[in-house]
Amino acid sequence: MEIERNEFYIGEQRYLDFEVKTTRKEAFTIVDASYTVSNSKNEIVDSGTAEIDNVNNIVRFLFTATDKGLYTVRLIATIPPEVVKYKGLILVK
């Protein structure tokens, strides 16, 4: 999967949305979703439970850009019996 990259300016607060996909051809339900945001020193600066939109198969969380730098987002969504992982980048200017 291609890594998604988002750009923020210091002080911005926006939702980051991830579309959850599965190899199954049937409807599915996301039962759990969590995320971590790490800085360039690999220190976790934010983490929590992501919001789940099962109608559109989207998980999202609110990110606040407080310091300049490059951040790594890791998101884990559970679609029993599967566990799907996503990775993204945030550049704060």
PDB file of N, CA and C in Angstrom:
ATOM      1  N   MET A   1       0.843  -1.179   0.000  1.00  0.00           N
ATOM      2  CA  MET A   1       0.000   0.000   0.000  1.00  0.00           C
ATOM      3  C   MET A   1       0.888   1.242   0.000  1.00  0.00           C
ATOM      4  N   GLU A   2       0.491   2.233  -0.762  1.00  0.00           N
ATOM      5  CA  GLU A   2       1.230   3.493  -0.820  1.00  0.00           C
ATOM      6  C   GLU A   2       1.020   4.267   0.473  1.00  0.00           C
ATOM      7  N   ILE A   3       2.094   4.878   0.961  1.00  0.00           N
ATOM      8  CA  ILE A   3       1.999   5.651   2.194  1.00  0.00           C
ATOM      9  C   ILE A   3       1.416   7.020   1.877  1.00  0.00           C
ATOM     10  N   GLU A   4       0.352   7.353   2.588  1.00  0.00           N
ATOM     11  CA  GLU A   4      -0.302   8.644   2.397  1.00  0.00           C
ATOM     12  C   GLU A   4       0.490   9.726   3.140  1.00  0.00           C
ATOM     13  N   ARG A   5       0.628  10.895   2.515  1.00  0.00           N
ATOM     14  CA  ARG A   5       1.347  11.998   3.141  1.00  0.00           C
ATOM     15  C   ARG A   5       0.406  13.202   3.255  1.00  0.00           C
ATOM     16  N   ASN A   6       0.351  13.787   4.432  1.00  0.00           N
ATOM     17  CA  ASN A   6      -0.481  14.951   4.701  1.00  0.00           C
ATOM     18  C   ASN A   6       0.397  16.103   5.149  1.00  0.00           C
ATOM     19  N   GLU A   7       0.029  17.326   4.752  1.00  0.00           N
ATOM     20  CA  GLU A   7       0.768  18.510   5.184  1.00  0.00           C
ATOM     21  C   GLU A   7      -0.115  19.373   6.074  1.00  0.00           C
ATOM     22  N   PHE A   8       0.478  19.846   7.152  1.00  0.00           N
ATOM     23  CA  PHE A   8      -0.199  20.721   8.108  1.00  0.00           C
ATOM     24  C   PHE A   8       0.681  21.938   8.354  1.00  0.00           C
ATOM     25  N   TYR A   9       0.072  23.007   8.818  1.00  0.00           N
ATOM     26  CA  TYR A   9       0.811  24.154   9.333  1.00  0.00           C
ATOM     27  C   TYR A   9       0.636  24.167  10.846  1.00  0.00           C
ATOM     28  N   ILE A  10       1.632  24.682  11.536  1.00  0.00           N
ATOM     29  CA  ILE A  10       1.549  24.746  13.000  1.00  0.00           C
ATOM     30  C   ILE A  10       0.242  25.435  13.400  1.00  0.00           C
ATOM     31  N   GLY A  11      -0.441  24.844  14.348  1.00  0.00           N
ATOM     32  CA  GLY A  11      -1.699  25.390  14.842  1.00  0.00           C
ATOM     33  C   GLY A  11      -2.932  24.803  14.173  1.00  0.00           C
ATOM     34  N   GLU A  12      -2.759  24.114  13.043  1.00  0.00           N
ATOM     35  CA  GLU A  12      -3.906  23.495  12.386  1.00  0.00           C
ATOM     36  C   GLU A  12      -4.385  22.291  13.183  1.00  0.00           C
ATOM     37  N   GLN A  13      -5.685  22.081  13.111  1.00  0.00           N
ATOM     38  CA  GLN A  13      -6.305  20.915  13.736  1.00  0.00           C
ATOM     39  C   GLN A  13      -7.298  20.359  12.719  1.00  0.00           C
ATOM     40  N   ARG A  14      -7.025  19.132  12.238  1.00  0.00           N
ATOM     41  CA  ARG A  14      -7.876  18.524  11.210  1.00  0.00           C
ATOM     42  C   ARG A  14      -8.008  17.031  11.453  1.00  0.00           C
ATOM     43  N   TYR A  15      -9.094  16.489  10.890  1.00  0.00           N
ATOM     44  CA  TYR A  15      -9.273  15.046  10.926  1.00  0.00           C
ATOM     45  C   TYR A  15      -8.449  14.390   9.829  1.00  0.00           C
ATOM     46  N   LEU A  16      -7.853  13.266  10.151  1.00  0.00           N
ATOM     47  CA  LEU A  16      -7.194  12.400   9.173  1.00  0.00           C
ATOM     48  C   LEU A  16      -8.090  11.186   8.993  1.00  0.00           C
ATOM     49  N   ASP A  17      -8.510  10.941   7.762  1.00  0.00           N
ATOM     50  CA  ASP A  17      -9.392   9.819   7.448  1.00  0.00           C
ATOM     51  C   ASP A  17      -8.621   8.733   6.714  1.00  0.00           C
ATOM     52  N   PHE A  18      -8.897   7.497   7.069  1.00  0.00           N
ATOM     53  CA  PHE A  18      -8.315   6.340   6.396  1.00  0.00           C
ATOM     54  C   PHE A  18      -9.460   5.438   5.952  1.00  0.00           C
ATOM     55  N   GLU A  19      -9.472   5.085   4.670  1.00  0.00           N
ATOM     56  CA  GLU A  19     -10.477   4.157   4.168  1.00  0.00           C
ATOM     57  C   GLU A  19      -9.988   2.740   4.423  1.00  0.00           C
ATOM     58  N   VAL A  20     -10.789   1.969   5.130  1.00  0.00           N
ATOM     59  CA  VAL A  20     -10.426   0.590   5.475  1.00  0.00           C
ATOM     60  C   VAL A  20     -10.896  -0.330   4.362  1.00  0.00           C
ATOM     61  N   LYS A  21      -9.981  -1.177   3.902  1.00  0.00           N
ATOM     62  CA  LYS A  21     -10.289  -2.126   2.834  1.00  0.00           C
ATOM     63  C   LYS A  21      -9.962  -3.533   3.306  1.00  0.00           C
ATOM     64  N   THR A  22     -10.651  -4.484   2.722  1.00  0.00           N
ATOM     65  CA  THR A  22     -10.432  -5.879   3.036  1.00  0.00           C
ATOM     66  C   THR A  22     -10.455  -6.688   1.740  1.00  0.00           C
ATOM     67  N   THR A  23      -9.911  -7.875   1.786  1.00  0.00           N
ATOM     68  CA  THR A  23      -9.914  -8.735   0.604  1.00  0.00           C
ATOM     69  C   THR A  23     -11.240  -9.479   0.456  1.00  0.00           C
ATOM     70  N   ARG A  24     -12.047  -9.450   1.491  1.00  0.00           N
ATOM     71  CA  ARG A  24     -13.351 -10.122   1.426  1.00  0.00           C
ATOM     72  C   ARG A  24     -14.286  -9.353   0.496  1.00  0.00           C
ATOM     73  N   LYS A  25     -15.151 -10.073  -0.164  1.00  0.00           N
ATOM     74  CA  LYS A  25     -16.089  -9.464  -1.111  1.00  0.00           C
ATOM     75  C   LYS A  25     -17.432  -9.128  -0.463  1.00  0.00           C
ATOM     76  N   GLU A  26     -17.548  -9.353   0.820  1.00  0.00           N
ATOM     77  CA  GLU A  26     -18.820  -9.124   1.512  1.00  0.00           C
ATOM     78  C   GLU A  26     -18.715  -7.897   2.415  1.00  0.00           C
ATOM     79  N   ALA A  27     -19.857  -7.434   2.880  1.00  0.00           N
ATOM     80  CA  ALA A  27     -19.879  -6.302   3.810  1.00  0.00           C
ATOM     81  C   ALA A  27     -19.140  -6.681   5.086  1.00  0.00           C
ATOM     82  N   PHE A  28     -18.556  -5.688   5.730  1.00  0.00           N
ATOM     83  CA  PHE A  28     -17.814  -5.954   6.965  1.00  0.00           C
ATOM     84  C   PHE A  28     -18.046  -4.827   7.958  1.00  0.00           C
ATOM     85  N   THR A  29     -17.694  -5.123   9.198  1.00  0.00           N
ATOM     86  CA  THR A  29     -17.845  -4.149  10.277  1.00  0.00           C
ATOM     87  C   THR A  29     -16.500  -3.959  10.957  1.00  0.00           C
ATOM     88  N   ILE A  30     -16.109  -2.711  11.085  1.00  0.00           N
ATOM     89  CA  ILE A  30     -14.890  -2.368  11.828  1.00  0.00           C
ATOM     90  C   ILE A  30     -15.284  -2.338  13.298  1.00  0.00           C
ATOM     91  N   VAL A  31     -14.667  -3.174  14.114  1.00  0.00           N
ATOM     92  CA  VAL A  31     -15.058  -3.250  15.521  1.00  0.00           C
ATOM     93  C   VAL A  31     -14.132  -2.463  16.444  1.00  0.00           C
ATOM     94  N   ASP A  32     -12.928  -2.151  15.964  1.00  0.00           N
ATOM     95  CA  ASP A  32     -11.972  -1.415  16.795  1.00  0.00           C
ATOM     96  C   ASP A  32     -10.964  -0.730  15.887  1.00  0.00           C
ATOM     97  N   ALA A  33     -10.521   0.452  16.294  1.00  0.00           N
ATOM     98  CA  ALA A  33      -9.493   1.169  15.532  1.00  0.00           C
ATOM     99  C   ALA A  33      -8.706   2.052  16.495  1.00  0.00           C
ATOM    100  N   SER A  34      -7.374   1.960  16.406  1.00  0.00           N
ATOM    101  CA  SER A  34      -6.521   2.778  17.259  1.00  0.00           C
ATOM    102  C   SER A  34      -5.390   3.359  16.423  1.00  0.00           C
ATOM    103  N   TYR A  35      -4.753   4.403  16.949  1.00  0.00           N
ATOM    104  CA  TYR A  35      -3.689   5.066  16.203  1.00  0.00           C
ATOM    105  C   TYR A  35      -2.573   5.525  17.135  1.00  0.00           C
ATOM    106  N   THR A  36      -1.391   5.704  16.548  1.00  0.00           N
ATOM    107  CA  THR A  36      -0.285   6.376  17.228  1.00  0.00           C
ATOM    108  C   THR A  36       0.331   7.349  16.236  1.00  0.00           C
ATOM    109  N   VAL A  37       0.853   8.453  16.758  1.00  0.00           N
ATOM    110  CA  VAL A  37       1.604   9.429  15.968  1.00  0.00           C
ATOM    111  C   VAL A  37       2.958   9.567  16.646  1.00  0.00           C
ATOM    112  N   SER A  38       4.039   9.334  15.867  1.00  0.00           N
ATOM    113  CA  SER A  38       5.407   9.396  16.394  1.00  0.00           C
ATOM    114  C   SER A  38       6.183  10.491  15.680  1.00  0.00           C
ATOM    115  N   ASN A  39       7.083  11.151  16.422  1.00  0.00           N
ATOM    116  CA  ASN A  39       7.930  12.172  15.806  1.00  0.00           C
ATOM    117  C   ASN A  39       9.158  11.521  15.176  1.00  0.00           C
ATOM    118  N   SER A  40      10.059  12.351  14.649  1.00  0.00           N
ATOM    119  CA  SER A  40      11.238  11.827  13.942  1.00  0.00           C
ATOM    120  C   SER A  40      12.211  11.095  14.870  1.00  0.00           C
ATOM    121  N   LYS A  41      12.054  11.270  16.188  1.00  0.00           N
ATOM    122  CA  LYS A  41      12.882  10.547  17.161  1.00  0.00           C
ATOM    123  C   LYS A  41      12.210   9.242  17.595  1.00  0.00           C
ATOM    124  N   ASN A  42      11.103   8.905  16.914  1.00  0.00           N
ATOM    125  CA  ASN A  42      10.312   7.715  17.204  1.00  0.00           C
ATOM    126  C   ASN A  42       9.661   7.762  18.585  1.00  0.00           C
ATOM    127  N   GLU A  43       9.409   8.969  19.083  1.00  0.00           N
ATOM    128  CA  GLU A  43       8.694   9.154  20.352  1.00  0.00           C
ATOM    129  C   GLU A  43       7.211   9.333  20.038  1.00  0.00           C
ATOM    130  N   ILE A  44       6.357   8.608  20.738  1.00  0.00           N
ATOM    131  CA  ILE A  44       4.915   8.736  20.523  1.00  0.00           C
ATOM    132  C   ILE A  44       4.452  10.065  21.118  1.00  0.00           C
ATOM    133  N   VAL A  45       3.858  10.907  20.256  1.00  0.00           N
ATOM    134  CA  VAL A  45       3.391  12.223  20.688  1.00  0.00           C
ATOM    135  C   VAL A  45       1.870  12.285  20.785  1.00  0.00           C
ATOM    136  N   ASP A  46       1.187  11.292  20.227  1.00  0.00           N
ATOM    137  CA  ASP A  46      -0.272  11.230  20.310  1.00  0.00           C
ATOM    138  C   ASP A  46      -0.699   9.790  20.059  1.00  0.00           C
ATOM    139  N   SER A  47      -1.752   9.376  20.719  1.00  0.00           N
ATOM    140  CA  SER A  47      -2.304   8.039  20.504  1.00  0.00           C
ATOM    141  C   SER A  47      -3.719   8.010  21.030  1.00  0.00           C
ATOM    142  N   GLY A  48      -4.470   7.026  20.580  1.00  0.00           N
ATOM    143  CA  GLY A  48      -5.829   6.910  21.082  1.00  0.00           C
ATOM    144  C   GLY A  48      -6.679   5.984  20.247  1.00  0.00           C
ATOM    145  N   THR A  49      -7.971   6.043  20.498  1.00  0.00           N
ATOM    146  CA  THR A  49      -8.958   5.272  19.768  1.00  0.00           C
ATOM    147  C   THR A  49      -9.501   6.138  18.641  1.00  0.00           C
ATOM    148  N   ALA A  50      -9.502   5.608  17.442  1.00  0.00           N
ATOM    149  CA  ALA A  50     -10.011   6.349  16.291  1.00  0.00           C
ATOM    150  C   ALA A  50     -11.532   6.215  16.213  1.00  0.00           C
ATOM    151  N   GLU A  51     -12.179   7.220  15.629  1.00  0.00           N
ATOM    152  CA  GLU A  51     -13.617   7.158  15.378  1.00  0.00           C
ATOM    153  C   GLU A  51     -13.861   6.194  14.211  1.00  0.00           C
ATOM    154  N   ILE A  52     -14.970   5.473  14.267  1.00  0.00           N
ATOM    155  CA  ILE A  52     -15.303   4.484  13.245  1.00  0.00           C
ATOM    156  C   ILE A  52     -16.589   4.883  12.539  1.00  0.00           C
ATOM    157  N   ASP A  53     -16.538   4.906  11.203  1.00  0.00           N
ATOM    158  CA  ASP A  53     -17.709   5.153  10.357  1.00  0.00           C
ATOM    159  C   ASP A  53     -17.911   3.896   9.521  1.00  0.00           C
ATOM    160  N   ASN A  54     -18.760   2.982  10.003  1.00  0.00           N
ATOM    161  CA  ASN A  54     -18.970   1.712   9.307  1.00  0.00           C
ATOM    162  C   ASN A  54     -19.812   1.853   8.049  1.00  0.00           C
ATOM    163  N   VAL A  55     -20.535   2.946   7.888  1.00  0.00           N
ATOM    164  CA  VAL A  55     -21.314   3.165   6.670  1.00  0.00           C
ATOM    165  C   VAL A  55     -20.378   3.354   5.479  1.00  0.00           C
ATOM    166  N   ASN A  56     -19.307   4.136   5.686  1.00  0.00           N
ATOM    167  CA  ASN A  56     -18.358   4.451   4.615  1.00  0.00           C
ATOM    168  C   ASN A  56     -17.017   3.732   4.747  1.00  0.00           C
ATOM    169  N   ASN A  57     -16.889   2.846   5.742  1.00  0.00           N
ATOM    170  CA  ASN A  57     -15.646   2.102   5.996  1.00  0.00           C
ATOM    171  C   ASN A  57     -14.455   3.039   6.218  1.00  0.00           C
ATOM    172  N   ILE A  58     -14.670   4.052   7.038  1.00  0.00           N
ATOM    173  CA  ILE A  58     -13.656   5.061   7.331  1.00  0.00           C
ATOM    174  C   ILE A  58     -13.345   5.041   8.827  1.00  0.00           C
ATOM    175  N   VAL A  59     -12.056   5.183   9.155  1.00  0.00           N
ATOM    176  CA  VAL A  59     -11.664   5.472  10.532  1.00  0.00           C
ATOM    177  C   VAL A  59     -10.939   6.805  10.509  1.00  0.00           C
ATOM    178  N   ARG A  60     -11.118   7.595  11.562  1.00  0.00           N
ATOM    179  CA  ARG A  60     -10.537   8.939  11.572  1.00  0.00           C
ATOM    180  C   ARG A  60     -10.135   9.332  12.981  1.00  0.00           C
ATOM    181  N   PHE A  61      -9.195  10.272  13.031  1.00  0.00           N
ATOM    182  CA  PHE A  61      -8.839  10.869  14.307  1.00  0.00           C
ATOM    183  C   PHE A  61      -8.441  12.314  14.068  1.00  0.00           C
ATOM    184  N   LEU A  62      -8.527  13.109  15.125  1.00  0.00           N
ATOM    185  CA  LEU A  62      -8.227  14.533  15.066  1.00  0.00           C
ATOM    186  C   LEU A  62      -6.769  14.747  15.433  1.00  0.00           C
ATOM    187  N   PHE A  63      -6.030  15.422  14.545  1.00  0.00           N
ATOM    188  CA  PHE A  63      -4.614  15.705  14.785  1.00  0.00           C
ATOM    189  C   PHE A  63      -4.426  17.203  14.917  1.00  0.00           C
ATOM    190  N   THR A  64      -3.645  17.602  15.925  1.00  0.00           N
ATOM    191  CA  THR A  64      -3.296  19.001  16.129  1.00  0.00           C
ATOM    192  C   THR A  64      -1.801  19.161  15.906  1.00  0.00           C
ATOM    193  N   ALA A  65      -1.435  20.034  14.978  1.00  0.00           N
ATOM    194  CA  ALA A  65      -0.027  20.275  14.653  1.00  0.00           C
ATOM    195  C   ALA A  65       0.535  21.322  15.617  1.00  0.00           C
ATOM    196  N   THR A  66       1.383  20.873  16.526  1.00  0.00           N
ATOM    197  CA  THR A  66       1.932  21.790  17.523  1.00  0.00           C
ATOM    198  C   THR A  66       3.399  22.128  17.291  1.00  0.00           C
ATOM    199  N   ASP A  67       4.141  21.239  16.630  1.00  0.00           N
ATOM    200  CA  ASP A  67       5.564  21.464  16.383  1.00  0.00           C
ATOM    201  C   ASP A  67       5.913  21.076  14.951  1.00  0.00           C
ATOM    202  N   LYS A  68       6.857  21.815  14.345  1.00  0.00           N
ATOM    203  CA  LYS A  68       7.318  21.483  12.990  1.00  0.00           C
ATOM    204  C   LYS A  68       8.011  20.129  12.998  1.00  0.00           C
ATOM    205  N   GLY A  69       7.945  19.449  11.856  1.00  0.00           N
ATOM    206  CA  GLY A  69       8.655  18.183  11.725  1.00  0.00           C
ATOM    207  C   GLY A  69       7.880  17.168  10.923  1.00  0.00           C
ATOM    208  N   LEU A  70       8.471  15.988  10.786  1.00  0.00           N
ATOM    209  CA  LEU A  70       7.858  14.875  10.075  1.00  0.00           C
ATOM    210  C   LEU A  70       7.388  13.852  11.100  1.00  0.00           C
ATOM    211  N   TYR A  71       6.139  13.446  10.989  1.00  0.00           N
ATOM    212  CA  TYR A  71       5.530  12.512  11.930  1.00  0.00           C
ATOM    213  C   TYR A  71       5.050  11.268  11.184  1.00  0.00           C
ATOM    214  N   THR A  72       5.081  10.134  11.864  1.00  0.00           N
ATOM    215  CA  THR A  72       4.598   8.876  11.310  1.00  0.00           C
ATOM    216  C   THR A  72       3.310   8.487  12.020  1.00  0.00           C
ATOM    217  N   VAL A  73       2.285   8.181  11.236  1.00  0.00           N
ATOM    218  CA  VAL A  73       0.993   7.733  11.761  1.00  0.00           C
ATOM    219  C   VAL A  73       0.889   6.234  11.536  1.00  0.00           C
ATOM    220  N   ARG A  74       0.504   5.524  12.576  1.00  0.00           N
ATOM    221  CA  ARG A  74       0.220   4.093  12.446  1.00  0.00           C
ATOM    222  C   ARG A  74      -1.195   3.865  12.953  1.00  0.00           C
ATOM    223  N   LEU A  75      -1.989   3.210  12.126  1.00  0.00           N
ATOM    224  CA  LEU A  75      -3.384   2.971  12.449  1.00  0.00           C
ATOM    225  C   LEU A  75      -3.650   1.474  12.338  1.00  0.00           C
ATOM    226  N   ILE A  76      -4.373   0.933  13.301  1.00  0.00           N
ATOM    227  CA  ILE A  76      -4.735  -0.483  13.306  1.00  0.00           C
ATOM    228  C   ILE A  76      -6.254  -0.575  13.395  1.00  0.00           C
ATOM    229  N   ALA A  77      -6.856  -1.283  12.429  1.00  0.00           N
ATOM    230  CA  ALA A  77      -8.304  -1.491  12.425  1.00  0.00           C
ATOM    231  C   ALA A  77      -8.591  -2.982  12.486  1.00  0.00           C
ATOM    232  N   THR A  78      -9.555  -3.357  13.317  1.00  0.00           N
ATOM    233  CA  THR A  78      -9.932  -4.758  13.465  1.00  0.00           C
ATOM    234  C   THR A  78     -11.257  -5.017  12.758  1.00  0.00           C
ATOM    235  N   ILE A  79     -11.210  -5.954  11.803  1.00  0.00           N
ATOM    236  CA  ILE A  79     -12.388  -6.411  11.062  1.00  0.00           C
ATOM    237  C   ILE A  79     -12.380  -7.930  11.217  1.00  0.00           C
ATOM    238  N   PRO A  80     -12.967  -8.464  12.285  1.00  0.00           N
ATOM    239  CA  PRO A  80     -12.819  -9.893  12.553  1.00  0.00           C
ATOM    240  C   PRO A  80     -13.074 -10.756  11.325  1.00  0.00           C
ATOM    241  N   PRO A  81     -12.206 -11.713  11.057  1.00  0.00           N
ATOM    242  CA  PRO A  81     -11.039 -12.106  11.839  1.00  0.00           C
ATOM    243  C   PRO A  81      -9.759 -11.352  11.441  1.00  0.00           C
ATOM    244  N   GLU A  82      -9.858 -10.326  10.596  1.00  0.00           N
ATOM    245  CA  GLU A  82      -8.678  -9.623  10.103  1.00  0.00           C
ATOM    246  C   GLU A  82      -8.272  -8.454  11.003  1.00  0.00           C
ATOM    247  N   VAL A  83      -6.970  -8.146  10.954  1.00  0.00           N
ATOM    248  CA  VAL A  83      -6.426  -6.934  11.564  1.00  0.00           C
ATOM    249  C   VAL A  83      -5.674  -6.212  10.445  1.00  0.00           C
ATOM    250  N   VAL A  84      -6.093  -4.988  10.138  1.00  0.00           N
ATOM    251  CA  VAL A  84      -5.533  -4.231   9.024  1.00  0.00           C
ATOM    252  C   VAL A  84      -4.702  -3.077   9.574  1.00  0.00           C
ATOM    253  N   LYS A  85      -3.503  -2.889   9.012  1.00  0.00           N
ATOM    254  CA  LYS A  85      -2.617  -1.829   9.486  1.00  0.00           C
ATOM    255  C   LYS A  85      -2.334  -0.833   8.351  1.00  0.00           C
ATOM    256  N   TYR A  86      -2.303   0.438   8.708  1.00  0.00           N
ATOM    257  CA  TYR A  86      -2.014   1.502   7.764  1.00  0.00           C
ATOM    258  C   TYR A  86      -0.886   2.362   8.320  1.00  0.00           C
ATOM    259  N   LYS A  87      -0.129   2.974   7.416  1.00  0.00           N
ATOM    260  CA  LYS A  87       0.943   3.865   7.819  1.00  0.00           C
ATOM    261  C   LYS A  87       0.840   5.125   6.967  1.00  0.00           C
ATOM    262  N   GLY A  88       1.059   6.278   7.588  1.00  0.00           N
ATOM    263  CA  GLY A  88       1.013   7.536   6.876  1.00  0.00           C
ATOM    264  C   GLY A  88       2.039   8.493   7.437  1.00  0.00           C
ATOM    265  N   LEU A  89       2.264   9.591   6.728  1.00  0.00           N
ATOM    266  CA  LEU A  89       3.202  10.617   7.157  1.00  0.00           C
ATOM    267  C   LEU A  89       2.502  11.950   7.265  1.00  0.00           C
ATOM    268  N   ILE A  90       2.923  12.744   8.239  1.00  0.00           N
ATOM    269  CA  ILE A  90       2.427  14.105   8.408  1.00  0.00           C
ATOM    270  C   ILE A  90       3.644  15.029   8.423  1.00  0.00           C
ATOM    271  N   LEU A  91       3.635  16.018   7.550  1.00  0.00           N
ATOM    272  CA  LEU A  91       4.685  17.030   7.542  1.00  0.00           C
ATOM    273  C   LEU A  91       4.074  18.307   8.092  1.00  0.00           C
ATOM    274  N   VAL A  92       4.637  18.789   9.206  1.00  0.00           N
ATOM    275  CA  VAL A  92       4.156  20.024   9.817  1.00  0.00           C
ATOM    276  C   VAL A  92       5.156  21.119   9.479  1.00  0.00           C
ATOM    277  N   LYS A  93       4.643  22.178   8.852  1.00  0.00           N
ATOM    278  CA  LYS A  93       5.491  23.308   8.421  1.00  0.00           C
ATOM    279  C   LYS A  93       5.334  24.486   9.352  1.00  0.00           C
TER     280      LYS A  93
END
